Every structure is written in structure tokens, then in C-alpha cells.
Amino acid sequence: MVRLPANSTRPSTRSTPLLLAGALSFGCPQLLEDGFETPAALPVVGLDSGGQLPRGLSDAGTGAGGAGAAAGAPNAAGSTSLSAGTGGSAEPPDAATAGAGPYLSPDAGGPPPPATELGAVLAHRYRFSGAGSTALDAVGTANGTLLGTTLSAGSGKVTLSGDEQFVDLPNGLVSSLPSVTLEAWVNWLAEPSGTAAEWQNVFDFGDTALEGSQGSATTHLYFTAKSSVSGHLRAGYTLTGYDNEVFVDGTRVLPASSDLARGTQVVLVANGAQGSLAVYVDGVLEGATSNGRAINLAALSDINSWLGRSQYTADPEFEGEILDFRIYAAALSATQVALSYSLGADGEL
């Protein structure tokens, strides 16, 4: 369907937005590099290392190191004198460094260091373990709520019917970050050829007139499985409605998963420093904007932080399964996205 929210003056055929940025060809990951580097010695912080939990086992308690982390902020539990690779052999700080951060003795039982450079910038992770209506944040304390559905114990996924079922995450998870990478592992189960598949958003962070309600998006950062304009997957960002979106179209609709247990990886990188968006599917660049766009995440009013739901009233909910959802407090490079894909939905980060 063509997205036509109530009281909208938008034409039935969408015109090209002023900030249109079409999809680039494959092989252009150099546009995405933001100079992010991981120090050789990573501090031990309360970041989820992902673990090797088989799908469906509970993550309850894995976020213990993140106590006090605010919703919307990376889970920085405080620096420590232990660094990756020290194996807990660090000496207590002397007087000169006593104020640098909490000291963890070798037997303090603190969280393990990240297994990869991805874990060092992982801010929130939802693995949909356990049962009930709570989506536990395995990294921090920003737990989400399932609406219209519940988790099935042992499944390790949330199943959405496409009809008033979605996940509501806390406010401010994206706007608190200068750059962000959103990664979802999904199985899209809709029939892609019909209009009912159009504008089924995997995620949408933004606002309309009222918190918690749909309408016509004022601000948002989203990924949709199929746009009615291009007929392909699309990601976009705006602070002033649809007509001023910065967006990138893919070369196809979101593909069906070849392996339902593994799912399809979807990644949206919003680089505030470079002013660019990039979309990856299964570790491969699907499209990107040029640099220099106005990407100001701090101005995003993400009071509706939704998985499987759009800000627009006319848009259907996502029909399918979400196996894993991650928010990184950095613009990942093409190499880092490919690394995450190689690790999979259950990867240790």
C-alpha cells in the first residue's frame, strides 16, 4: 500500500525528497569508515560478551555489570585497572591512580572483557530469551516490553504476526549517541510480492504527535523490508517529516532467510560524524548515501522505540521473527559488520 496517514497532504505517489540519496553500487565500504579504532587493551566494562548461550536459554543476570547504566547510554560500568588479556593479574592501584576507577581484584567476579572489538561498543542487546512479555537487555538495564504477544520459553525469538504485535523499547536509546549501528537478525515471513508487505518496518525510532501512538512521523530512523516507492528495502532518517528524509534504497526486498535458525542479518549504520547512512544485508553493503548529510541523532525524538512497528498509522506491523537485536554506540565499519555476520545471531561479542 502507499503510505497515506490520516490528515496527510502527501501525494499518493511519493515525490523525490530534497535530500534524496540513492543507493550506491556494491563495493563502496570506504564511505562508511569513521576512524573508529579499538584500543589494543580493552577495559573491563559491563558489556555483554554475548556468551555461548544456545538460543532460548535465559540471559537473566548477564547484565549485572551494567547496574546503573541509564536507558539510552552505553553500559559503561566504570573503567578499571584490569585490561583485556590480564587474566585478573593486575595489582591494586597506587595512590596516584586511586581515583581512576574501581579496582577489581582477581576474585571479584566482575564481567569478562569483550571477546571482540564489537563488544567494546555494544550498548544494548535483546536476545528474547525466557518467557513472558519482557525483552531483557543483556548488556544494560533498558529492558523492553512485548505488546500483543509474549515470548515462548526456549525459543530465543519473538514472533510477530503482522497485526498489532511489536516490541516497545525504552525512550532515548538512539538520540543519546552521536553515531549508532542498529543490527537485527530476522526471518521475514510475509509474502513480498503483495502490497500488504509494503512498509513493514523491522525497527523504527522516532515520534509522531503523541508518545505511544502512530500517526505521521515527525522524526524517525527506520528500516523497512519493502518500500512502496522503489519496491525494495529502504532505510531512512528525518527530523522534519517524510518529504525531507535522507534515505537509502536497496537493490531488492528484504530476502527470505535461507536458514530460519540463523536468520537474515540487517544492519543500519548512521554515522553522525560523516553524515551518512549505510545498509547491509548478511554482511554485504546493500546501499549507502554520500557523506555530508545532516545526521543529527541528538535531535531525534525517539519516544517511540519500536521493533516491528512503524510510526505511520497506515503501515502494517512486521510479519516474522526477530532472533536478536543490537544497538552499538558507534558507526561500525564494513569489516566490523562482516565480522558480526560471521559470528551469527548467537555470536559471542
Foldseek 3Di string as FASTA:
>chain_A
DQFDFPPDPADSAHDAFPQEFEFDDFDPLVQQDDPDDDDPWAFQAQFFLLDQDDAQADLPPLQVRQPPPDAQDARGSFGEPDTPPPQQPDDDDDPVCNPRTDYAHNPNPGDHHHPDSQRSFFRWKFQLHDKFFWGQTSRHGFIKGWWPFMGDHRRRKGFDALAGTWIWTAWNNFLSFLKKKKKWFWAFDDDLPDPLQAFFWQKKFFADPDQPAAGFTQWIWTWGQAHPNPRATKTWTDNGGDSNIYMYGFPHGQDGDPDRSQGKMWMWIQNNVFGKIWIDILLTTRGMGGTDHHRNSNSGRRSGTIGQDDSHPPHTGGGTMIRMMTMGSHGDGSVVSNVDSVQTRSRRD
